[in-house]
Amino acid sequence: MTSIDFHTNIADKLIYTCRLVRKAVAAHNRVAILSSDEAELAALDAALWTFSETDFLPHVRADHPRAEQTPIILLPHDSAECPHHQILINISRTTPAHFASFERLLEIISTDETDAASGRDRFRQYRQRGYPLAHFVAKSA
C-alpha cells in the first residue's frame, strides 16, 4: 500500500521540492513530480537545474526518449505515463489518479489558503481510504 506523507506550511514549494528530490535521488530513489500547472512545471524544470551548484539533478518530462533512464520525471498531467513508480511528489491541487501505483506519495502543501484547503480535502480522502499517513509541518520563516 502506498505510504503518504504530507508536507505543509511550505513557503516556497519549488525550492522545498528540489530539496526533497535531492535527498531522494541521493538515496538512489526514482522520483516523479506532478504539476498540472504548465508555468509551475517550467519553473520547477529551471529550479532543478539551478537549485544547487554542487548537485546534479537530472530530469526530463515523461514523454522524453530518455525518461526510462532518468531518475527524475516531470509529469505535466495526471494521465502522463511514468516509467518508474517509487516516489511521486504532488505539487498540484488535485489527487493524482494513479498515486496507488507508487510506493510513496509526498503531498507538498503551501501556505496559500486555497492550496491548504485542497490539501486538507486530499488528507481526508486518503485517510477515509485507509492509507498510512504522516504529516510534517515546516517551521515558518
Protein backbone atom coordinates (compact mmCIF):
# COMPACT_ATOMS: atom_id res chain seq x y z
CA MET A 1 0.00 0.00 0.00
CA THR A 2 1.25 3.47 -0.87
CA SER A 3 2.52 5.43 2.12
CA ILE A 4 1.58 9.10 2.02
CA ASP A 5 3.48 11.98 3.59
CA PHE A 6 2.01 15.47 3.81
CA HIS A 7 4.45 18.37 3.99
CA THR A 8 2.52 21.50 4.96
CA ASN A 9 3.13 25.18 5.65
CA ILE A 10 5.63 25.31 2.79
CA ALA A 11 6.66 28.87 1.94
CA ASP A 12 8.30 28.00 -1.43
CA LYS A 13 7.01 24.78 -2.97
CA LEU A 14 9.60 24.68 -5.74
CA ILE A 15 12.68 25.04 -3.54
CA TYR A 16 11.21 22.63 -0.99
CA THR A 17 10.51 20.12 -3.77
CA CYS A 18 14.08 20.49 -5.06
CA ARG A 19 15.40 19.67 -1.58
CA LEU A 20 13.18 16.58 -1.32
CA VAL A 21 14.23 15.44 -4.78
CA ARG A 22 17.92 15.91 -3.96
CA LYS A 23 17.52 13.79 -0.82
CA ALA A 24 15.52 11.07 -2.62
CA VAL A 25 17.96 10.80 -5.54
CA ALA A 26 20.93 10.70 -3.15
CA ALA A 27 19.22 7.66 -1.57
CA HIS A 28 19.01 6.08 -5.07
CA ASN A 29 15.27 6.57 -5.49
CA ARG A 30 13.47 7.42 -8.69
CA VAL A 31 11.09 10.36 -8.44
CA ALA A 32 8.13 11.62 -10.43
CA ILE A 33 6.80 15.13 -9.85
CA LEU A 34 3.24 16.04 -10.82
CA SER A 35 2.04 19.56 -11.54
CA SER A 36 -0.92 20.32 -13.77
CA ASP A 37 0.18 23.97 -13.99
CA GLU A 38 2.48 24.38 -17.01
CA ALA A 39 4.08 27.57 -15.67
CA GLU A 40 4.79 25.89 -12.34
CA LEU A 41 6.28 22.86 -14.10
CA ALA A 42 8.50 25.11 -16.25
CA ALA A 43 9.67 26.96 -13.14
CA LEU A 44 10.40 23.63 -11.43
CA ASP A 45 12.33 22.47 -14.50
CA ALA A 46 14.53 25.57 -14.27
CA ALA A 47 14.87 25.30 -10.49
CA LEU A 48 16.10 21.71 -10.68
CA TRP A 49 18.94 22.83 -12.97
CA THR A 50 19.90 25.87 -10.89
CA PHE A 51 18.93 24.88 -7.35
CA SER A 52 22.38 23.73 -6.26
CA GLU A 53 25.85 24.45 -7.62
CA THR A 54 27.14 21.13 -6.27
CA ASP A 55 24.29 18.71 -7.00
CA PHE A 56 23.27 17.34 -10.38
CA LEU A 57 19.53 16.61 -10.53
CA PRO A 58 18.98 15.08 -14.00
CA HIS A 59 15.36 15.26 -15.07
CA VAL A 60 13.16 15.09 -18.14
CA ARG A 61 9.49 15.23 -18.95
CA ALA A 62 7.60 11.96 -19.05
CA ASP A 63 7.44 11.90 -22.85
CA HIS A 64 11.20 12.33 -23.33
CA PRO A 65 13.02 9.43 -25.08
CA ARG A 66 15.39 9.04 -22.11
CA ALA A 67 12.68 9.08 -19.44
CA GLU A 68 13.23 5.43 -18.53
CA GLN A 69 16.93 6.05 -17.75
CA THR A 70 16.41 9.36 -15.95
CA PRO A 71 15.86 9.36 -12.16
CA ILE A 72 13.58 12.42 -12.08
CA ILE A 73 10.48 12.67 -14.25
CA LEU A 74 8.27 15.75 -14.62
CA LEU A 75 4.62 14.89 -15.18
CA PRO A 76 2.59 17.67 -16.84
CA HIS A 77 -0.73 15.95 -16.19
CA ASP A 78 -2.16 13.03 -14.31
CA SER A 79 -2.51 10.76 -17.33
CA ALA A 80 1.16 11.02 -18.38
CA GLU A 81 2.91 7.66 -18.50
CA CYS A 82 5.68 7.31 -15.94
CA PRO A 83 8.45 4.72 -16.39
CA HIS A 84 9.06 4.22 -12.66
CA HIS A 85 6.94 4.08 -9.54
CA GLN A 86 8.99 4.65 -6.41
CA ILE A 87 8.16 8.20 -5.27
CA LEU A 88 5.51 10.58 -6.57
CA ILE A 89 5.70 14.20 -5.42
CA ASN A 90 2.41 16.01 -5.93
CA ILE A 91 2.63 19.79 -6.13
CA SER A 92 -0.76 20.09 -7.85
CA ARG A 93 -4.01 20.78 -6.02
CA THR A 94 -5.71 17.55 -7.03
CA THR A 95 -5.50 13.91 -6.02
CA PRO A 96 -3.31 12.05 -8.53
CA ALA A 97 -5.42 9.39 -10.25
CA HIS A 98 -2.62 6.78 -10.27
CA PHE A 99 -0.95 7.54 -6.92
CA ALA A 100 -1.57 3.95 -5.73
CA SER A 101 0.88 2.66 -8.37
CA PHE A 102 3.71 4.39 -6.45
CA GLU A 103 5.42 3.09 -3.31
CA ARG A 104 5.29 6.53 -1.76
CA LEU A 105 3.40 9.78 -2.31
CA LEU A 106 4.63 13.13 -0.99
CA GLU A 107 1.98 15.86 -0.94
CA ILE A 108 3.51 19.36 -0.85
CA ILE A 109 1.11 21.97 0.55
CA SER A 110 1.99 25.66 0.56
CA THR A 111 0.94 28.41 2.94
CA ASP A 112 -1.64 29.61 0.37
CA GLU A 113 -5.15 29.10 1.83
CA THR A 114 -6.60 27.60 -1.37
CA ASP A 115 -3.71 25.14 -1.57
CA ALA A 116 -4.07 24.32 2.14
CA ALA A 117 -7.83 23.71 1.79
CA SER A 118 -7.35 21.34 -1.14
CA GLY A 119 -4.57 19.60 0.82
CA ARG A 120 -6.92 19.07 3.78
CA ASP A 121 -9.51 17.57 1.41
CA ARG A 122 -6.92 15.15 -0.01
CA PHE A 123 -5.76 14.22 3.50
CA ARG A 124 -9.35 13.30 4.43
CA GLN A 125 -9.80 11.29 1.22
CA TYR A 126 -6.64 9.26 1.81
CA ARG A 127 -7.48 8.70 5.50
CA GLN A 128 -11.01 7.51 4.62
CA ARG A 129 -9.49 5.02 2.19
CA GLY A 130 -7.16 3.65 4.89
CA TYR A 131 -3.80 4.81 3.56
CA PRO A 132 -0.96 5.21 6.09
CA LEU A 133 -0.42 8.96 6.54
CA ALA A 134 2.37 11.06 8.03
CA HIS A 135 2.32 14.82 8.47
CA PHE A 136 5.32 17.16 8.56
CA VAL A 137 4.78 20.86 9.27
CA ALA A 138 7.52 23.22 8.06
CA LYS A 139 8.60 25.87 10.51
CA SER A 140 7.63 29.36 9.42
CA ALA A 141 10.45 31.62 8.40
